[in-house]
């Protein structure tokens, strides 16, 4: 069974994204403890309606952006994460691991700096596990980085 791939990578993202609805605040949109904002997103706010709800698409492979449906033109626009230092190159699975580690260490009283430090700690653990001689550890590390385990094992 074959299907036609979209002409643009952005269209493929939209096909595989997960749908959600969020409110647009003065600071943007929040999803999974990450804030997303842009000038274009802020233009979606109606002068008489302070906090509009918008449809969004989020992705497993990258938390550095979301796509938000423009309510006027009925098309999706890309909105970047506010904390690009943290979100850049991060997949949702690793982001959830980082959030869990921060919650264990600091409960609900954490800072963005502590979030970035936890990200570095987890990335270091994953890098170390990828070097491990045991296949199970390499496969777990590959899953955390969303790599194919055969690619990590060098069998491909």
Protein backbone atom coordinates (compact mmCIF):
# COMPACT_ATOMS: atom_id res chain seq x y z
CA UNK A 1 0.00 0.00 0.00
CA UNK A 2 1.51 3.32 -1.06
CA UNK A 3 0.52 6.84 -0.26
CA UNK A 4 1.66 10.15 -1.61
CA UNK A 5 4.03 12.18 0.54
CA UNK A 6 3.37 15.90 0.84
CA UNK A 7 5.42 18.31 -1.26
CA UNK A 8 6.78 20.23 1.73
CA UNK A 9 8.24 18.91 5.02
CA UNK A 10 6.05 21.36 6.97
CA UNK A 11 2.97 19.59 5.56
CA UNK A 12 4.30 16.24 6.82
CA UNK A 13 4.72 17.76 10.29
CA UNK A 14 1.09 18.88 10.21
CA UNK A 15 0.02 15.33 9.30
CA UNK A 16 1.86 13.71 12.23
CA UNK A 17 1.24 16.39 14.86
CA UNK A 18 -1.04 15.94 17.85
CA UNK A 19 -4.02 18.29 18.09
CA UNK A 20 -4.80 20.39 21.13
CA UNK A 21 -6.58 23.63 21.98
CA UNK A 22 -4.97 26.39 24.01
CA UNK A 23 -5.68 29.94 25.08
CA UNK A 24 -3.53 32.81 23.79
CA UNK A 25 -2.33 34.95 26.70
CA UNK A 26 -0.13 38.06 26.70
CA UNK A 27 2.90 35.75 27.11
CA UNK A 28 1.75 33.40 24.34
CA UNK A 29 0.63 29.78 24.63
CA UNK A 30 1.72 27.24 27.22
CA UNK A 31 1.94 23.52 26.47
CA UNK A 32 3.76 20.92 28.61
CA UNK A 33 5.29 23.67 30.80
CA UNK A 34 6.82 25.38 27.75
CA UNK A 35 5.78 28.80 26.49
CA UNK A 36 5.47 29.63 22.79
CA UNK A 37 5.07 33.14 21.42
CA UNK A 38 5.52 35.34 18.35
CA UNK A 39 4.29 38.66 17.02
CA UNK A 40 2.01 36.83 14.60
CA UNK A 41 0.50 34.77 17.43
CA UNK A 42 -0.23 37.95 19.39
CA UNK A 43 -2.03 39.37 16.34
CA UNK A 44 -4.62 36.57 16.71
CA UNK A 45 -5.95 38.30 19.81
CA UNK A 46 -9.15 40.17 19.07
CA UNK A 47 -9.39 43.65 20.66
CA UNK A 48 -12.72 42.76 22.31
CA UNK A 49 -11.77 39.22 23.28
CA UNK A 50 -8.80 39.09 25.62
CA UNK A 51 -7.95 35.40 25.49
CA UNK A 52 -8.94 33.55 22.33
CA UNK A 53 -8.74 29.77 22.10
CA UNK A 54 -6.77 28.42 19.15
CA UNK A 55 -6.11 25.00 17.68
CA UNK A 56 -2.49 23.89 17.88
CA UNK A 57 -0.38 20.98 16.68
CA UNK A 58 2.49 19.68 18.79
CA UNK A 59 5.16 17.20 17.81
CA UNK A 60 6.98 14.31 19.43
CA UNK A 61 10.23 14.90 17.55
CA UNK A 62 10.70 18.58 18.45
CA UNK A 63 9.44 20.82 21.27
CA UNK A 64 11.15 23.95 19.91
CA UNK A 65 7.99 24.97 18.04
CA UNK A 66 4.27 24.39 17.71
CA UNK A 67 1.95 25.14 14.82
CA UNK A 68 -1.07 27.33 15.54
CA UNK A 69 -4.12 27.62 13.31
CA UNK A 70 -4.61 31.20 12.17
CA UNK A 71 -8.33 31.79 12.85
CA UNK A 72 -8.65 34.32 10.03
CA UNK A 73 -6.85 32.50 7.20
CA UNK A 74 -7.54 28.96 8.47
CA UNK A 75 -3.95 27.82 8.02
CA UNK A 76 -1.23 26.81 10.44
CA UNK A 77 1.66 29.11 11.33
CA UNK A 78 4.81 28.08 13.17
CA UNK A 79 5.36 29.59 16.62
CA UNK A 80 8.74 29.13 18.36
CA UNK A 81 9.36 28.28 21.99
CA UNK A 82 10.24 31.29 24.12
CA UNK A 83 13.15 29.48 25.82
CA UNK A 84 15.04 28.45 22.68
CA UNK A 85 18.18 27.56 24.67
CA UNK A 86 16.25 24.82 26.40
CA UNK A 87 13.90 23.65 23.64
CA UNK A 88 16.27 23.62 20.66
CA UNK A 89 16.87 20.08 19.42
CA UNK A 90 14.81 18.51 22.21
CA UNK A 91 12.19 15.83 21.59
CA UNK A 92 9.07 15.47 23.73
CA UNK A 93 10.20 12.21 25.36
CA UNK A 94 13.43 13.79 26.62
CA UNK A 95 11.52 16.91 27.68
CA UNK A 96 9.25 14.71 29.82
CA UNK A 97 12.31 13.01 31.36
CA UNK A 98 13.78 16.44 32.16
CA UNK A 99 10.51 17.64 33.71
CA UNK A 100 10.29 14.50 35.86
CA UNK A 101 13.89 14.92 37.04
CA UNK A 102 13.30 18.60 37.90
CA UNK A 103 10.10 17.68 39.75
CA UNK A 104 11.98 15.01 41.76
CA UNK A 105 14.78 17.42 42.66
CA UNK A 106 12.86 20.65 43.26
CA UNK A 107 9.13 19.74 43.48
CA UNK A 108 7.11 22.67 42.07
CA UNK A 109 9.73 25.30 42.97
CA UNK A 110 12.09 25.10 39.99
CA UNK A 111 13.67 27.72 37.76
CA UNK A 112 14.39 27.68 34.04
CA UNK A 113 18.10 27.46 34.83
CA UNK A 114 17.46 24.25 36.82
CA UNK A 115 15.45 22.93 33.86
CA UNK A 116 18.43 23.55 31.53
CA UNK A 117 20.79 21.87 34.03
CA UNK A 118 18.53 18.82 34.25
CA UNK A 119 18.47 18.69 30.44
CA UNK A 120 22.29 18.64 30.38
CA UNK A 121 22.32 15.89 33.04
CA UNK A 122 19.92 13.70 31.06
CA UNK A 123 21.79 14.30 27.80
CA UNK A 124 25.02 13.27 29.54
CA UNK A 125 23.36 10.08 30.85
CA UNK A 126 22.04 9.27 27.38
CA UNK A 127 25.46 9.89 25.78
CA UNK A 128 27.09 7.62 28.37
CA UNK A 129 24.48 4.91 27.82
CA UNK A 130 25.06 5.05 24.05
CA UNK A 131 28.70 4.12 24.70
CA UNK A 132 27.73 1.18 26.92
CA UNK A 133 28.57 -2.35 25.77
CA UNK A 134 25.17 -3.73 26.76
CA UNK A 135 22.64 -3.70 23.94
CA UNK A 136 19.67 -3.01 26.24
CA UNK A 137 21.25 0.21 27.56
CA UNK A 138 22.12 1.40 24.05
CA UNK A 139 18.57 0.70 22.88
CA UNK A 140 17.09 2.60 25.84
CA UNK A 141 19.40 5.52 25.13
CA UNK A 142 18.47 5.44 21.45
CA UNK A 143 14.80 5.56 22.40
CA UNK A 144 15.45 8.59 24.59
CA UNK A 145 17.08 10.32 21.63
CA UNK A 146 14.44 8.91 19.22
CA UNK A 147 17.04 7.08 17.14
CA UNK A 148 16.50 3.74 15.52
CA UNK A 149 18.21 1.09 17.69
CA UNK A 150 19.72 -0.59 14.62
CA UNK A 151 21.35 2.71 13.67
CA UNK A 152 22.96 2.90 17.12
CA UNK A 153 24.09 -0.72 16.99
CA UNK A 154 25.68 -0.10 13.61
CA UNK A 155 23.79 -2.93 11.92
CA UNK A 156 22.39 -0.63 9.30
